Amino acid sequence: MLIVSSKNPLSSQVDFDQKKLNALVSKTFGGKKVINAHLLPYSSSNKTLKITFDDRTNVVVKASVRESRFERILMESNLIKQLKKKSDLPLPDVLFTDFTREKFQYPYVV
């Protein structure tokens, strides 16, 4: 992970390298390797990436990179889980979350 100084939004200052992405998601997804990570330009307080694995499956990883918003990513993932249980809305599956900040400096959701 690299953070560079800039007047740009914080999310544009945070860069994920492929080695770090593999370390974060490989064990969670049975040892699959990240072959591509495409930045999705949706927010200034989150970093959202579309990850492609070596078996050509995809997941989206969303990391909250602004400390004042850390609780919101937890709330958002819980809301998605609850709505999926109680409605027929077309929502993404929450496959994995890590809010501990032990393995990665930001809370993230897959």
C-alpha atoms as a PDB file:
ATOM      1  CA  MET A   1       0.000   0.000   0.000  1.00  0.00           C
ATOM      2  CA  LEU A   2       1.306   3.407  -0.916  1.00  0.00           C
ATOM      3  CA  ILE A   3      -0.078   6.754   0.193  1.00  0.00           C
ATOM      4  CA  VAL A   4       1.167   9.822  -1.631  1.00  0.00           C
ATOM      5  CA  SER A   5       0.680  13.460  -0.695  1.00  0.00           C
ATOM      6  CA  SER A   6      -1.796  15.334  -2.853  1.00  0.00           C
ATOM      7  CA  LYS A   7      -4.723  17.749  -2.867  1.00  0.00           C
ATOM      8  CA  ASN A   8      -6.796  14.993  -4.499  1.00  0.00           C
ATOM      9  CA  PRO A   9      -9.399  13.042  -2.510  1.00  0.00           C
ATOM     10  CA  LEU A  10      -7.903  10.542  -0.068  1.00  0.00           C
ATOM     11  CA  SER A  11      -9.120   7.549  -2.068  1.00  0.00           C
ATOM     12  CA  SER A  12      -7.030   8.645  -5.041  1.00  0.00           C
ATOM     13  CA  GLN A  13      -3.953   8.786  -2.782  1.00  0.00           C
ATOM     14  CA  VAL A  14      -4.215   5.128  -1.693  1.00  0.00           C
ATOM     15  CA  ASP A  15      -2.776   2.559  -4.068  1.00  0.00           C
ATOM     16  CA  PHE A  16      -3.134  -1.218  -3.766  1.00  0.00           C
ATOM     17  CA  ASP A  17      -0.336  -3.302  -5.164  1.00  0.00           C
ATOM     18  CA  GLN A  18      -0.984  -6.824  -6.454  1.00  0.00           C
ATOM     19  CA  LYS A  19       1.158  -8.457  -3.763  1.00  0.00           C
ATOM     20  CA  LYS A  20      -0.921  -6.798  -1.009  1.00  0.00           C
ATOM     21  CA  LEU A  21      -4.185  -7.753  -2.733  1.00  0.00           C
ATOM     22  CA  ASN A  22      -3.079 -11.373  -3.006  1.00  0.00           C
ATOM     23  CA  ALA A  23      -2.169 -11.396   0.677  1.00  0.00           C
ATOM     24  CA  LEU A  24      -5.595  -9.978   1.602  1.00  0.00           C
ATOM     25  CA  VAL A  25      -7.873 -12.163  -0.493  1.00  0.00           C
ATOM     26  CA  SER A  26      -5.990 -15.308  -1.543  1.00  0.00           C
ATOM     27  CA  LYS A  27      -6.597 -17.293   1.661  1.00  0.00           C
ATOM     28  CA  THR A  28     -10.224 -16.200   1.784  1.00  0.00           C
ATOM     29  CA  PHE A  29     -10.809 -17.529  -1.733  1.00  0.00           C
ATOM     30  CA  GLY A  30      -9.028 -20.884  -1.615  1.00  0.00           C
ATOM     31  CA  GLY A  31      -5.598 -19.719  -2.733  1.00  0.00           C
ATOM     32  CA  LYS A  32      -6.756 -18.002  -5.921  1.00  0.00           C
ATOM     33  CA  LYS A  33      -4.307 -15.436  -7.265  1.00  0.00           C
ATOM     34  CA  VAL A  34      -5.213 -11.897  -8.283  1.00  0.00           C
ATOM     35  CA  ILE A  35      -4.349 -11.324 -11.943  1.00  0.00           C
ATOM     36  CA  ASN A  36      -6.024  -7.939 -12.372  1.00  0.00           C
ATOM     37  CA  ALA A  37      -7.320  -5.151 -10.163  1.00  0.00           C
ATOM     38  CA  HIS A  38      -9.413  -2.461 -11.826  1.00  0.00           C
ATOM     39  CA  LEU A  39     -10.197   0.725  -9.899  1.00  0.00           C
ATOM     40  CA  LEU A  40     -13.895   1.643  -9.889  1.00  0.00           C
ATOM     41  CA  PRO A  41     -14.272   5.441  -9.628  1.00  0.00           C
ATOM     42  CA  TYR A  42     -17.292   5.721  -7.328  1.00  0.00           C
ATOM     43  CA  SER A  43     -16.272   7.524  -4.162  1.00  0.00           C
ATOM     44  CA  SER A  44     -13.872   9.921  -2.530  1.00  0.00           C
ATOM     45  CA  SER A  45     -13.916   8.210   0.885  1.00  0.00           C
ATOM     46  CA  ASN A  46     -13.693   4.583  -0.273  1.00  0.00           C
ATOM     47  CA  LYS A  47     -11.426   2.687  -2.609  1.00  0.00           C
ATOM     48  CA  THR A  48     -13.356   0.195  -4.723  1.00  0.00           C
ATOM     49  CA  LEU A  49     -11.625  -2.369  -6.919  1.00  0.00           C
ATOM     50  CA  LYS A  50     -12.901  -5.081  -9.237  1.00  0.00           C
ATOM     51  CA  ILE A  51     -10.582  -8.036  -8.691  1.00  0.00           C
ATOM     52  CA  THR A  52     -10.103 -10.772 -11.293  1.00  0.00           C
ATOM     53  CA  PHE A  53      -8.644 -14.075 -10.101  1.00  0.00           C
ATOM     54  CA  ASP A  54      -6.563 -16.570 -12.062  1.00  0.00           C
ATOM     55  CA  ASP A  55      -9.690 -18.691 -12.674  1.00  0.00           C
ATOM     56  CA  ARG A  56     -11.356 -15.607 -14.259  1.00  0.00           C
ATOM     57  CA  THR A  57     -13.880 -15.133 -11.430  1.00  0.00           C
ATOM     58  CA  ASN A  58     -14.421 -11.610 -10.122  1.00  0.00           C
ATOM     59  CA  VAL A  59     -15.140  -9.961  -6.795  1.00  0.00           C
ATOM     60  CA  VAL A  60     -15.375  -6.353  -5.705  1.00  0.00           C
ATOM     61  CA  VAL A  61     -13.268  -5.153  -2.783  1.00  0.00           C
ATOM     62  CA  LYS A  62     -14.324  -1.951  -1.055  1.00  0.00           C
ATOM     63  CA  ALA A  63     -12.011  -0.375   1.517  1.00  0.00           C
ATOM     64  CA  SER A  64     -12.920   2.606   3.648  1.00  0.00           C
ATOM     65  CA  VAL A  65      -9.884   4.886   3.544  1.00  0.00           C
ATOM     66  CA  ARG A  66     -11.217   7.844   5.516  1.00  0.00           C
ATOM     67  CA  GLU A  67     -11.181   7.239   9.276  1.00  0.00           C
ATOM     68  CA  SER A  68     -14.324   9.304   9.842  1.00  0.00           C
ATOM     69  CA  ARG A  69     -16.171   6.830   7.584  1.00  0.00           C
ATOM     70  CA  PHE A  70     -14.908   3.524   9.021  1.00  0.00           C
ATOM     71  CA  GLU A  71     -18.163   2.842  10.865  1.00  0.00           C
ATOM     72  CA  ARG A  72     -20.192   3.436   7.705  1.00  0.00           C
ATOM     73  CA  ILE A  73     -18.621   0.556   5.801  1.00  0.00           C
ATOM     74  CA  LEU A  74     -19.529  -1.768   8.693  1.00  0.00           C
ATOM     75  CA  MET A  75     -23.070  -0.373   8.737  1.00  0.00           C
ATOM     76  CA  GLU A  76     -23.359  -0.716   4.950  1.00  0.00           C
ATOM     77  CA  SER A  77     -22.253  -4.363   4.922  1.00  0.00           C
ATOM     78  CA  ASN A  78     -24.639  -5.210   7.798  1.00  0.00           C
ATOM     79  CA  LEU A  79     -27.484  -3.453   6.009  1.00  0.00           C
ATOM     80  CA  ILE A  80     -26.848  -5.410   2.804  1.00  0.00           C
ATOM     81  CA  LYS A  81     -26.816  -8.698   4.746  1.00  0.00           C
ATOM     82  CA  GLN A  82     -30.090  -7.885   6.520  1.00  0.00           C
ATOM     83  CA  LEU A  83     -31.846  -6.682   3.374  1.00  0.00           C
ATOM     84  CA  LYS A  84     -30.810  -9.831   1.503  1.00  0.00           C
ATOM     85  CA  LYS A  85     -32.394 -11.959   4.262  1.00  0.00           C
ATOM     86  CA  LYS A  86     -35.624  -9.976   4.408  1.00  0.00           C
ATOM     87  CA  SER A  87     -36.244  -8.865   0.831  1.00  0.00           C
ATOM     88  CA  ASP A  88     -35.996  -9.829  -2.816  1.00  0.00           C
ATOM     89  CA  LEU A  89     -33.943  -6.776  -3.715  1.00  0.00           C
ATOM     90  CA  PRO A  90     -31.078  -7.466  -6.132  1.00  0.00           C
ATOM     91  CA  LEU A  91     -28.119  -6.874  -3.811  1.00  0.00           C
ATOM     92  CA  PRO A  92     -24.529  -8.101  -3.908  1.00  0.00           C
ATOM     93  CA  ASP A  93     -23.413 -10.885  -1.588  1.00  0.00           C
ATOM     94  CA  VAL A  94     -21.110  -9.855   1.230  1.00  0.00           C
ATOM     95  CA  LEU A  95     -18.509 -12.634   0.992  1.00  0.00           C
ATOM     96  CA  PHE A  96     -15.974 -11.435   3.533  1.00  0.00           C
ATOM     97  CA  THR A  97     -15.375  -8.505   5.848  1.00  0.00           C
ATOM     98  CA  ASP A  98     -12.421  -7.432   7.949  1.00  0.00           C
ATOM     99  CA  PHE A  99     -12.874  -4.448  10.218  1.00  0.00           C
ATOM    100  CA  THR A 100     -10.027  -5.310  12.625  1.00  0.00           C
ATOM    101  CA  ARG A 101      -7.356  -3.369  10.694  1.00  0.00           C
ATOM    102  CA  GLU A 102      -4.840  -6.021  11.784  1.00  0.00           C
ATOM    103  CA  LYS A 103      -4.009  -7.445   8.327  1.00  0.00           C
ATOM    104  CA  PHE A 104      -4.708  -4.252   6.432  1.00  0.00           C
ATOM    105  CA  GLN A 105      -4.671  -0.650   7.594  1.00  0.00           C
ATOM    106  CA  TYR A 106      -8.246   0.003   6.406  1.00  0.00           C
ATOM    107  CA  PRO A 107     -11.503  -1.858   7.029  1.00  0.00           C
ATOM    108  CA  TYR A 108     -12.678  -3.652   3.886  1.00  0.00           C
ATOM    109  CA  VAL A 109     -15.552  -5.668   2.432  1.00  0.00           C
ATOM    110  CA  VAL A 110     -15.537  -8.236  -0.378  1.00  0.00           C
END
